[in-house]
Protein backbone atom coordinates (compact mmCIF):
# COMPACT_ATOMS: atom_id res chain seq x y z
CA UNK A 1 26.23 -2.09 2.74
CA UNK A 2 23.71 0.02 4.64
CA UNK A 3 22.15 1.32 1.40
CA UNK A 4 22.13 -1.93 -0.53
CA UNK A 5 19.07 -3.86 -1.64
CA UNK A 6 19.83 -7.46 -2.46
CA UNK A 7 18.12 -10.30 -4.33
CA UNK A 8 20.48 -13.07 -3.14
CA UNK A 9 19.00 -16.01 -5.08
CA UNK A 10 19.06 -14.01 -8.32
CA UNK A 11 22.61 -12.78 -7.71
CA UNK A 12 21.50 -9.13 -7.82
CA UNK A 13 23.05 -6.54 -5.52
CA UNK A 14 21.91 -2.92 -5.89
CA UNK A 15 24.33 -0.54 -4.16
CA UNK A 16 23.75 2.97 -2.81
CA UNK A 17 19.97 2.87 -3.20
CA UNK A 18 18.77 6.06 -1.56
CA UNK A 19 15.22 7.32 -1.17
CA UNK A 20 15.78 10.72 -2.81
CA UNK A 21 18.20 13.29 -4.19
CA UNK A 22 19.40 16.56 -2.70
CA UNK A 23 19.38 19.69 -4.86
CA UNK A 24 20.60 22.90 -3.26
CA UNK A 25 19.80 21.63 0.22
CA UNK A 26 16.28 20.58 -0.79
CA UNK A 27 15.54 16.85 -0.79
CA UNK A 28 13.35 15.47 -3.54
CA UNK A 29 12.01 11.99 -2.84
CA UNK A 30 12.07 9.36 -5.55
CA UNK A 31 8.56 8.41 -4.39
CA UNK A 32 7.13 11.73 -5.57
CA UNK A 33 9.17 11.70 -8.77
CA UNK A 34 7.90 8.23 -9.65
CA UNK A 35 4.26 9.14 -8.92
CA UNK A 36 4.60 12.21 -11.17
CA UNK A 37 6.20 10.10 -13.92
CA UNK A 38 3.37 7.58 -13.59
CA UNK A 39 0.78 10.32 -14.13
CA UNK A 40 2.66 11.58 -17.21
CA UNK A 41 3.17 8.20 -18.88
CA UNK A 42 -0.39 7.15 -18.01
CA UNK A 43 -1.60 10.31 -19.73
CA UNK A 44 0.43 9.50 -22.86
CA UNK A 45 -0.85 5.91 -23.03
CA UNK A 46 -4.49 6.98 -22.55
CA UNK A 47 -4.12 9.81 -25.10
CA UNK A 48 -2.88 7.46 -27.82
CA UNK A 49 -5.51 4.87 -26.88
CA UNK A 50 -8.24 7.49 -27.31
CA UNK A 51 -6.71 8.63 -30.59
CA UNK A 52 -6.52 5.06 -31.90
CA UNK A 53 -10.05 4.10 -30.87
CA UNK A 54 -11.37 7.40 -32.27
CA UNK A 55 -14.50 7.55 -30.10
CA UNK A 56 -13.91 10.99 -28.58
CA UNK A 57 -11.47 13.88 -28.80
CA UNK A 58 -8.18 12.62 -27.25
CA UNK A 59 -7.48 16.14 -25.96
CA UNK A 60 -10.17 15.43 -23.36
CA UNK A 61 -7.73 12.99 -21.73
CA UNK A 62 -5.55 16.00 -20.81
CA UNK A 63 -8.58 17.80 -19.39
CA UNK A 64 -9.51 14.79 -17.29
CA UNK A 65 -5.99 14.33 -15.93
CA UNK A 66 -5.79 17.97 -14.84
CA UNK A 67 -9.19 17.60 -13.16
CA UNK A 68 -8.32 14.29 -11.53
CA UNK A 69 -4.78 14.77 -10.13
CA UNK A 70 -5.66 16.58 -6.90
CA UNK A 71 -8.76 14.47 -6.03
CA UNK A 72 -6.78 11.26 -6.69
CA UNK A 73 -3.91 12.28 -4.41
CA UNK A 74 -6.30 13.52 -1.71
CA UNK A 75 -8.36 10.31 -2.00
CA UNK A 76 -5.27 8.11 -1.79
CA UNK A 77 -4.02 9.95 1.29
CA UNK A 78 -7.43 10.13 2.97
CA UNK A 79 -7.95 6.38 2.52
CA UNK A 80 -4.57 5.68 4.09
CA UNK A 81 -5.11 8.04 7.02
CA UNK A 82 -8.62 6.73 7.78
CA UNK A 83 -7.41 3.14 8.07
CA UNK A 84 -4.29 4.21 10.01
CA UNK A 85 -6.18 6.52 12.37
CA UNK A 86 -4.79 4.89 15.51
CA UNK A 87 -1.46 6.43 14.54
CA UNK A 88 -2.54 9.72 12.94
CA UNK A 89 -4.91 10.74 15.74
CA UNK A 90 -1.77 11.34 17.79
CA UNK A 91 0.26 12.77 14.89
CA UNK A 92 -2.15 15.16 13.20
CA UNK A 93 0.63 17.31 11.74
CA UNK A 94 1.82 14.33 9.66
CA UNK A 95 -1.47 13.88 7.81
CA UNK A 96 -0.43 16.25 5.01
CA UNK A 97 3.13 14.93 4.81
CA UNK A 98 3.10 12.54 1.86
CA UNK A 99 6.74 12.85 0.77
CA UNK A 100 7.67 9.68 2.64
CA UNK A 101 4.79 7.61 1.31
CA UNK A 102 1.37 6.81 2.66
CA UNK A 103 -0.78 6.92 -0.49
CA UNK A 104 -3.22 4.02 -0.87
CA UNK A 105 -3.89 3.01 -4.48
CA UNK A 106 -7.50 2.06 -3.80
CA UNK A 107 -8.23 5.51 -2.40
CA UNK A 108 -6.82 7.10 -5.54
CA UNK A 109 -8.80 4.75 -7.80
CA UNK A 110 -12.06 5.48 -5.97
CA UNK A 111 -11.48 9.25 -6.13
CA UNK A 112 -10.47 8.98 -9.79
CA UNK A 113 -13.64 7.02 -10.63
CA UNK A 114 -15.87 9.58 -8.90
CA UNK A 115 -14.08 12.39 -10.73
CA UNK A 116 -14.50 10.50 -14.02
CA UNK A 117 -18.25 10.20 -13.48
CA UNK A 118 -18.61 13.93 -12.80
CA UNK A 119 -16.29 14.85 -15.68
CA UNK A 120 -18.19 12.71 -18.21
CA UNK A 121 -21.53 14.08 -17.02
CA UNK A 122 -20.39 17.67 -17.53
CA UNK A 123 -18.79 16.95 -20.90
CA UNK A 124 -21.71 14.77 -22.08
CA UNK A 125 -19.40 11.82 -22.66
CA UNK A 126 -19.91 8.09 -22.28
CA UNK A 127 -18.25 7.11 -19.01
CA UNK A 128 -17.87 3.56 -20.31
CA UNK A 129 -16.04 4.66 -23.46
CA UNK A 130 -13.81 7.02 -21.52
CA UNK A 131 -13.23 4.44 -18.79
CA UNK A 132 -12.03 1.83 -21.29
CA UNK A 133 -9.32 4.28 -22.31
CA UNK A 134 -8.56 5.49 -18.78
CA UNK A 135 -7.85 2.03 -17.32
CA UNK A 136 -4.83 1.69 -19.61
CA UNK A 137 -3.30 4.87 -18.23
CA UNK A 138 -4.31 3.85 -14.71
CA UNK A 139 -2.42 0.58 -15.01
CA UNK A 140 0.69 2.40 -16.24
CA UNK A 141 0.50 4.61 -13.14
CA UNK A 142 0.09 1.57 -10.89
CA UNK A 143 3.00 -0.27 -12.52
CA UNK A 144 5.36 2.64 -11.94
CA UNK A 145 3.89 3.75 -8.62
CA UNK A 146 4.88 0.50 -6.92
CA UNK A 147 8.54 1.32 -7.59
CA UNK A 148 8.12 4.30 -5.29
CA UNK A 149 7.51 1.68 -2.58
CA UNK A 150 10.79 0.04 -3.57
CA UNK A 151 12.82 3.20 -2.90
CA UNK A 152 10.92 3.82 0.36
CA UNK A 153 11.49 0.20 1.48
CA UNK A 154 7.78 -0.26 2.11
CA UNK A 155 4.89 -2.43 0.91
CA UNK A 156 6.96 -5.58 1.29
CA UNK A 157 5.82 -8.99 2.47
CA UNK A 158 6.61 -11.51 5.15
CA UNK A 159 9.81 -13.56 5.42
CA UNK A 160 10.61 -15.79 2.47
CA UNK A 161 13.52 -17.79 1.13
CA UNK A 162 12.00 -18.09 -2.33
CA UNK A 163 13.69 -17.28 -5.64
CA UNK A 164 12.64 -13.61 -5.57
CA UNK A 165 13.50 -13.01 -1.89
CA UNK A 166 14.60 -9.41 -1.28
CA UNK A 167 17.01 -8.31 1.45
CA UNK A 168 16.80 -4.83 3.02
CA UNK A 169 19.33 -3.54 5.62
CA UNK A 170 17.85 -3.39 9.12
CA UNK A 171 19.84 -0.17 9.72
CA UNK A 172 17.54 1.62 7.27
CA UNK A 173 14.56 0.98 9.55
CA UNK A 174 16.52 1.99 12.64
CA UNK A 175 17.67 5.27 11.03
CA UNK A 176 14.13 6.13 9.87
CA UNK A 177 12.44 5.26 13.17
CA UNK A 178 10.65 2.25 11.66
CA UNK A 179 12.26 -0.53 13.67
CA UNK A 180 8.90 -1.47 15.27
CA UNK A 181 7.60 -2.23 11.77
CA UNK A 182 9.94 -5.18 11.31
CA UNK A 183 10.09 -6.22 14.96
CA UNK A 184 6.29 -6.56 15.29
CA UNK A 185 6.15 -8.75 12.19
CA UNK A 186 8.91 -11.08 13.37
CA UNK A 187 11.22 -10.05 10.54
CA UNK A 188 13.96 -8.81 12.85
CA UNK A 189 14.17 -12.23 14.49
CA UNK A 190 14.86 -13.82 11.10
CA UNK A 191 17.36 -11.16 9.95
CA UNK A 192 20.32 -12.46 7.94
CA UNK A 193 23.89 -11.43 8.71
CA UNK A 194 25.67 -10.75 5.40
CA UNK A 195 29.43 -10.40 5.01
CA UNK A 196 30.83 -9.01 1.76
CA UNK A 197 34.52 -8.17 1.56
CA UNK A 198 35.39 -6.01 4.55
CA UNK A 199 31.78 -5.01 5.14
CA UNK A 200 29.02 -6.69 7.12
CA UNK A 201 25.41 -5.83 7.78
CA UNK A 202 22.15 -7.37 8.92
CA UNK A 203 19.30 -7.68 6.42
CA UNK A 204 15.66 -8.65 6.68
CA UNK A 205 14.58 -11.03 3.91
CA UNK A 206 11.08 -10.57 2.52
CA UNK A 207 8.66 -11.03 -0.37
CA UNK A 208 9.06 -8.05 -2.76
CA UNK A 209 5.30 -7.60 -3.01
CA UNK A 210 5.76 -4.23 -4.74
CA UNK A 211 7.49 -6.15 -7.56
CA UNK A 212 4.81 -8.85 -7.69
CA UNK A 213 2.05 -6.28 -8.09
CA UNK A 214 3.98 -4.20 -10.61
CA UNK A 215 4.61 -7.27 -12.78
CA UNK A 216 1.02 -8.50 -12.41
CA UNK A 217 -0.25 -5.11 -13.59
CA UNK A 218 2.20 -5.12 -16.51
CA UNK A 219 0.86 -8.48 -17.71
CA UNK A 220 -2.71 -7.23 -17.28
CA UNK A 221 -1.93 -4.06 -19.26
CA UNK A 222 -0.36 -6.03 -22.12
CA UNK A 223 -3.36 -8.37 -22.24
CA UNK A 224 -5.78 -5.44 -22.33
CA UNK A 225 -3.85 -3.60 -25.06
CA UNK A 226 -2.91 -6.48 -27.35
CA UNK A 227 -5.71 -8.99 -26.75
CA UNK A 228 -8.90 -7.62 -25.21
CA UNK A 229 -8.91 -4.25 -27.03
CA UNK A 230 -8.85 -5.98 -30.42
CA UNK A 231 -11.72 -8.26 -29.40
CA UNK A 232 -13.76 -5.67 -27.53
CA UNK A 233 -17.50 -6.14 -28.09
CA UNK A 234 -19.02 -3.41 -25.92
CA UNK A 235 -18.11 -0.21 -24.10
CA UNK A 236 -17.16 -0.93 -20.52
CA UNK A 237 -15.61 -4.31 -21.33
CA UNK A 238 -12.06 -3.16 -20.56
CA UNK A 239 -13.25 -1.66 -17.27
CA UNK A 240 -14.70 -5.04 -16.33
CA UNK A 241 -11.48 -6.85 -17.34
CA UNK A 242 -9.45 -4.40 -15.25
CA UNK A 243 -11.68 -4.87 -12.21
CA UNK A 244 -11.49 -8.65 -12.39
CA UNK A 245 -7.79 -8.86 -13.25
CA UNK A 246 -6.50 -6.26 -10.82
CA UNK A 247 -8.84 -7.45 -8.08
CA UNK A 248 -7.56 -11.04 -8.29
CA UNK A 249 -3.91 -9.98 -8.27
CA UNK A 250 -4.30 -7.50 -5.43
CA UNK A 251 -6.26 -10.00 -3.29
CA UNK A 252 -3.56 -12.66 -3.62
CA UNK A 253 -0.57 -10.33 -3.17
CA UNK A 254 -2.13 -8.41 -0.28
CA UNK A 255 -2.19 -11.64 1.71
CA UNK A 256 1.62 -11.66 1.69
CA UNK A 257 2.11 -8.11 2.97
CA UNK A 258 3.09 -7.13 6.49
CA UNK A 259 1.85 -3.52 6.35
CA UNK A 260 -1.78 -4.05 5.32
CA UNK A 261 -4.52 -1.71 6.50
CA UNK A 262 -7.25 -3.52 8.45
CA UNK A 263 -10.98 -2.93 8.90
CA UNK A 264 -10.85 -5.02 12.06
CA UNK A 265 -8.25 -7.46 13.31
CA UNK A 266 -7.58 -10.14 10.71
CA UNK A 267 -9.64 -8.54 7.91
CA UNK A 268 -7.55 -6.61 5.39
CA UNK A 269 -9.45 -3.72 3.84
CA UNK A 270 -7.73 -4.08 0.46
CA UNK A 271 -8.73 -7.74 0.21
CA UNK A 272 -12.34 -6.86 0.95
CA UNK A 273 -12.29 -4.15 -1.72
CA UNK A 274 -10.61 -6.57 -4.12
CA UNK A 275 -13.51 -9.00 -3.69
CA UNK A 276 -15.97 -6.19 -4.42
CA UNK A 277 -13.92 -5.23 -7.48
CA UNK A 278 -13.88 -8.81 -8.77
CA UNK A 279 -17.62 -9.28 -8.21
CA UNK A 280 -18.40 -5.87 -9.71
CA UNK A 281 -16.33 -6.64 -12.80
CA UNK A 282 -18.02 -10.01 -13.29
CA UNK A 283 -21.50 -8.52 -12.86
CA UNK A 284 -20.67 -5.68 -15.26
CA UNK A 285 -19.39 -8.11 -17.87
CA UNK A 286 -22.38 -10.46 -17.56
CA UNK A 287 -24.83 -7.54 -17.69
CA UNK A 288 -23.46 -6.16 -20.94
CA UNK A 289 -23.14 -9.59 -22.56
CA UNK A 290 -26.78 -10.38 -21.75
CA UNK A 291 -27.87 -6.92 -22.87
CA UNK A 292 -26.15 -7.32 -26.23
CA UNK A 293 -27.65 -10.77 -26.73
CA UNK A 294 -31.11 -9.36 -26.04
CA UNK A 295 -30.54 -6.55 -28.55
CA UNK A 296 -29.35 -9.04 -31.15
CA UNK A 297 -32.43 -11.23 -30.66
CA UNK A 298 -34.82 -8.30 -31.10
CA UNK A 299 -32.88 -7.02 -34.11
CA UNK A 300 -33.37 -10.41 -35.79
CA UNK A 301 -29.72 -11.46 -35.82
CA UNK A 302 -30.50 -14.81 -34.29
CA UNK A 303 -33.54 -15.53 -36.47
CA UNK A 304 -32.69 -18.36 -38.86
């Protein structure tokens, strides 16, 4: 039972859930495989979105992805290391070791946005047009990327006995030197002793926040593709919808997590950035709506 992940109230028991596969003595982590798959599927979704909207050559999506991959990974890792510096200042050799996790989505998004701005400037493209296409691929990457957290048994929340409660064996954290992670958050004190057949093990029971965020992003992606894209009135509208939608979801879900990065004690950096994202999306939306109304007035559309 040491490698099980259980959802007791849903009657789901996943057996032999490892965190990687071994090929010829070389271990490949599921985390990295999932991140790579997220990039690939995000590329495909953005390519077909660009082709369907027909506002620029969809081949440019490939060019952008190639340009963006390294900055996004570096940005995601740098963000994580900066806000975990108390640990990494004494473990400098681990800074470049990302196989076991430690990539912050917000860092990747920020690096990707900066790269997009530079890319569009050099290619003489509209960043707003390109961004409306890119957010669809970005959401696909975020939806899949959270499942890397599942295999790493990370990015989970506090104790819960709700319908979606997830149980993870405490032995996993002991074997991987992460026992302090669940002890410091009081999860070890609430561990559940599970007996199944001739086997028994102790499990912590937590909110599967990785699942919450993945599902939230899936709903947001479907809304953007099947509702907002068809009703899009101006370039940049889908960027604004993404900022507002993702920001709200991340703010709420982040409050449940036990492994948040903090600016100072009690203030979670991802919640602060989520508020900025929400406000930025609202301001962007209002700006373009007012701009279009002004254009319509001067063009005589509202003259009766």
